[in-house]
């Protein structure tokens, strides 16, 4: 599985940090939404293609209601 994109909400600390990672593995796209940094809780979404994965990322960023997201 190869990481293709990584988004971060720009906040430090276990309680405030959020990351969204996009992976691709043999044509299957996976989005990980992680709250709390490396030791935090993750939700996983499996999607059929890159367009759907990026739509999922946009939805997650919008639903977070946090400004300052950036791609790393």
N, C-alpha and C. Protein backbone atom coordinates (compact mmCIF):
# COMPACT_ATOMS: atom_id res chain seq x y z
N UNK A 1 0.85 -1.17 0.00
CA UNK A 1 0.00 0.00 0.00
C UNK A 1 0.90 1.24 0.00
N UNK A 2 0.64 2.14 -0.91
CA UNK A 2 1.46 3.34 -1.06
C UNK A 2 0.68 4.58 -0.65
N UNK A 3 1.28 5.40 0.21
CA UNK A 3 0.62 6.65 0.60
C UNK A 3 0.74 7.65 -0.54
N UNK A 4 -0.40 8.22 -0.95
CA UNK A 4 -0.42 9.18 -2.06
C UNK A 4 -0.56 10.62 -1.59
N UNK A 5 -1.34 10.85 -0.54
CA UNK A 5 -1.56 12.21 -0.05
C UNK A 5 -1.70 12.19 1.47
N UNK A 6 -1.38 13.34 2.08
CA UNK A 6 -1.51 13.49 3.52
C UNK A 6 -1.97 14.91 3.79
N UNK A 7 -3.07 15.04 4.51
CA UNK A 7 -3.62 16.34 4.88
C UNK A 7 -3.59 16.45 6.40
N UNK A 8 -3.35 17.67 6.90
CA UNK A 8 -3.24 17.92 8.34
C UNK A 8 -3.98 19.21 8.66
N UNK A 9 -4.65 19.23 9.80
CA UNK A 9 -5.44 20.40 10.17
C UNK A 9 -4.60 21.54 10.75
N UNK A 10 -3.29 21.37 10.85
CA UNK A 10 -2.42 22.46 11.29
C UNK A 10 -2.39 22.65 12.79
N UNK A 11 -2.94 21.73 13.54
CA UNK A 11 -2.98 21.87 14.99
C UNK A 11 -2.10 20.81 15.65
N UNK A 12 -1.48 21.20 16.75
CA UNK A 12 -0.60 20.30 17.50
C UNK A 12 -1.34 19.77 18.72
N UNK A 13 -0.90 18.67 19.19
CA UNK A 13 -1.46 18.10 20.42
C UNK A 13 -2.41 16.96 20.14
N UNK A 14 -2.42 16.03 21.06
CA UNK A 14 -3.21 14.81 20.90
C UNK A 14 -4.70 15.09 20.75
N UNK A 15 -5.21 16.09 21.43
CA UNK A 15 -6.65 16.35 21.40
C UNK A 15 -7.10 17.15 20.17
N UNK A 16 -6.20 17.93 19.58
CA UNK A 16 -6.59 18.83 18.50
C UNK A 16 -6.18 18.35 17.11
N UNK A 17 -5.14 17.52 17.04
CA UNK A 17 -4.60 17.15 15.73
C UNK A 17 -5.53 16.19 14.99
N UNK A 18 -5.65 16.43 13.68
CA UNK A 18 -6.38 15.54 12.79
C UNK A 18 -5.56 15.37 11.51
N UNK A 19 -5.51 14.15 11.01
CA UNK A 19 -4.81 13.85 9.76
C UNK A 19 -5.75 13.05 8.87
N UNK A 20 -5.63 13.28 7.57
CA UNK A 20 -6.34 12.47 6.58
C UNK A 20 -5.28 11.99 5.59
N UNK A 21 -5.18 10.68 5.46
CA UNK A 21 -4.19 10.08 4.58
C UNK A 21 -4.90 9.31 3.48
N UNK A 22 -4.33 9.37 2.29
CA UNK A 22 -4.89 8.67 1.13
C UNK A 22 -3.86 7.66 0.64
N UNK A 23 -4.29 6.42 0.52
CA UNK A 23 -3.43 5.33 0.08
C UNK A 23 -4.01 4.69 -1.17
N UNK A 24 -3.13 4.09 -1.98
CA UNK A 24 -3.55 3.33 -3.16
C UNK A 24 -2.86 1.98 -3.13
N UNK A 25 -3.62 0.93 -3.39
CA UNK A 25 -3.07 -0.42 -3.40
C UNK A 25 -3.74 -1.22 -4.50
N UNK A 26 -3.02 -1.41 -5.59
CA UNK A 26 -3.50 -2.21 -6.72
C UNK A 26 -4.87 -1.76 -7.21
N UNK A 27 -5.04 -0.45 -7.34
CA UNK A 27 -6.28 0.10 -7.87
C UNK A 27 -7.36 0.37 -6.85
N UNK A 28 -7.17 -0.04 -5.63
CA UNK A 28 -8.12 0.26 -4.55
C UNK A 28 -7.59 1.44 -3.76
N UNK A 29 -8.45 2.39 -3.48
CA UNK A 29 -8.07 3.60 -2.76
C UNK A 29 -8.63 3.54 -1.35
N UNK A 30 -7.81 3.91 -0.39
CA UNK A 30 -8.20 3.86 1.02
C UNK A 30 -7.92 5.23 1.63
N UNK A 31 -8.91 5.75 2.36
CA UNK A 31 -8.75 7.02 3.09
C UNK A 31 -8.77 6.70 4.57
N UNK A 32 -7.74 7.20 5.27
CA UNK A 32 -7.69 7.07 6.73
C UNK A 32 -7.91 8.44 7.34
N UNK A 33 -8.93 8.58 8.18
CA UNK A 33 -9.19 9.80 8.93
C UNK A 33 -8.78 9.53 10.37
N UNK A 34 -7.72 10.22 10.82
CA UNK A 34 -7.15 9.93 12.14
C UNK A 34 -7.27 11.14 13.05
N UNK A 35 -7.83 10.95 14.21
CA UNK A 35 -7.94 11.98 15.24
C UNK A 35 -6.92 11.69 16.32
N UNK A 36 -6.12 12.69 16.71
CA UNK A 36 -5.22 12.52 17.84
C UNK A 36 -3.81 12.13 17.51
N UNK A 37 -3.35 12.34 16.30
CA UNK A 37 -1.97 12.03 15.97
C UNK A 37 -1.72 10.56 15.74
N UNK A 38 -0.44 10.16 15.80
CA UNK A 38 -0.05 8.79 15.48
C UNK A 38 -0.68 7.75 16.39
N UNK A 39 -0.95 8.10 17.63
CA UNK A 39 -1.55 7.16 18.58
C UNK A 39 -3.07 7.32 18.68
N UNK A 40 -3.64 8.10 17.78
CA UNK A 40 -5.07 8.39 17.86
C UNK A 40 -5.95 7.31 17.27
N UNK A 41 -7.21 7.66 17.17
CA UNK A 41 -8.23 6.75 16.65
C UNK A 41 -8.43 7.00 15.15
N UNK A 42 -8.52 5.93 14.37
CA UNK A 42 -8.66 6.04 12.92
C UNK A 42 -9.97 5.47 12.43
N UNK A 43 -10.48 6.10 11.37
CA UNK A 43 -11.61 5.55 10.61
C UNK A 43 -11.08 5.32 9.21
N UNK A 44 -11.49 4.22 8.59
CA UNK A 44 -11.00 3.83 7.27
C UNK A 44 -12.16 3.77 6.28
N UNK A 45 -11.90 4.26 5.07
CA UNK A 45 -12.89 4.24 4.00
C UNK A 45 -12.24 3.65 2.76
N UNK A 46 -12.81 2.59 2.21
CA UNK A 46 -12.29 1.96 0.99
C UNK A 46 -13.12 2.45 -0.19
N UNK A 47 -12.44 2.94 -1.22
CA UNK A 47 -13.12 3.57 -2.35
C UNK A 47 -12.61 3.00 -3.67
N UNK A 48 -13.44 3.06 -4.73
CA UNK A 48 -13.08 2.40 -5.99
C UNK A 48 -12.04 3.12 -6.84
N UNK A 49 -11.90 4.45 -6.66
CA UNK A 49 -10.94 5.17 -7.51
C UNK A 49 -10.51 6.46 -6.83
N UNK A 50 -9.54 7.13 -7.44
CA UNK A 50 -8.96 8.34 -6.86
C UNK A 50 -9.98 9.46 -6.73
N UNK A 51 -10.85 9.63 -7.72
CA UNK A 51 -11.86 10.69 -7.65
C UNK A 51 -12.75 10.53 -6.43
N UNK A 52 -13.20 9.31 -6.17
CA UNK A 52 -14.04 9.06 -5.00
C UNK A 52 -13.26 9.28 -3.70
N UNK A 53 -11.98 8.90 -3.71
CA UNK A 53 -11.15 9.10 -2.52
C UNK A 53 -10.99 10.58 -2.22
N UNK A 54 -10.74 11.39 -3.24
CA UNK A 54 -10.58 12.83 -3.03
C UNK A 54 -11.90 13.49 -2.65
N UNK A 55 -13.01 12.99 -3.17
CA UNK A 55 -14.32 13.48 -2.72
C UNK A 55 -14.52 13.19 -1.24
N UNK A 56 -14.11 12.01 -0.80
CA UNK A 56 -14.20 11.64 0.61
C UNK A 56 -13.35 12.58 1.46
N UNK A 57 -12.13 12.89 1.00
CA UNK A 57 -11.26 13.82 1.72
C UNK A 57 -11.93 15.18 1.85
N UNK A 58 -12.49 15.69 0.76
CA UNK A 58 -13.15 17.00 0.80
C UNK A 58 -14.32 16.98 1.78
N UNK A 59 -15.09 15.91 1.79
CA UNK A 59 -16.21 15.80 2.72
C UNK A 59 -15.72 15.77 4.17
N UNK A 60 -14.68 15.02 4.44
CA UNK A 60 -14.15 14.94 5.80
C UNK A 60 -13.62 16.29 6.28
N UNK A 61 -12.93 17.00 5.40
CA UNK A 61 -12.42 18.33 5.76
C UNK A 61 -13.57 19.29 6.02
N UNK A 62 -14.59 19.26 5.17
CA UNK A 62 -15.75 20.13 5.35
C UNK A 62 -16.49 19.82 6.64
N UNK A 63 -16.68 18.54 6.92
CA UNK A 63 -17.40 18.14 8.14
C UNK A 63 -16.63 18.45 9.41
N UNK A 64 -15.32 18.58 9.33
CA UNK A 64 -14.52 18.88 10.52
C UNK A 64 -14.77 20.29 11.04
N UNK A 65 -15.22 21.20 10.15
CA UNK A 65 -15.49 22.59 10.50
C UNK A 65 -14.26 23.28 11.09
N UNK A 66 -13.08 22.89 10.62
CA UNK A 66 -11.82 23.47 11.06
C UNK A 66 -11.13 24.09 9.86
N UNK A 67 -10.68 25.33 10.02
CA UNK A 67 -9.90 25.98 8.97
C UNK A 67 -8.43 25.63 9.16
N UNK A 68 -7.64 25.86 8.14
CA UNK A 68 -6.20 25.68 8.26
C UNK A 68 -5.68 24.35 7.74
N UNK A 69 -6.53 23.57 7.07
CA UNK A 69 -6.06 22.28 6.53
C UNK A 69 -5.01 22.55 5.47
N UNK A 70 -3.99 21.70 5.43
CA UNK A 70 -2.94 21.81 4.41
C UNK A 70 -2.49 20.42 3.97
N UNK A 71 -2.03 20.35 2.76
CA UNK A 71 -1.49 19.10 2.26
C UNK A 71 -0.01 19.05 2.59
N UNK A 72 0.45 17.96 3.14
CA UNK A 72 1.87 17.79 3.47
C UNK A 72 2.58 17.05 2.37
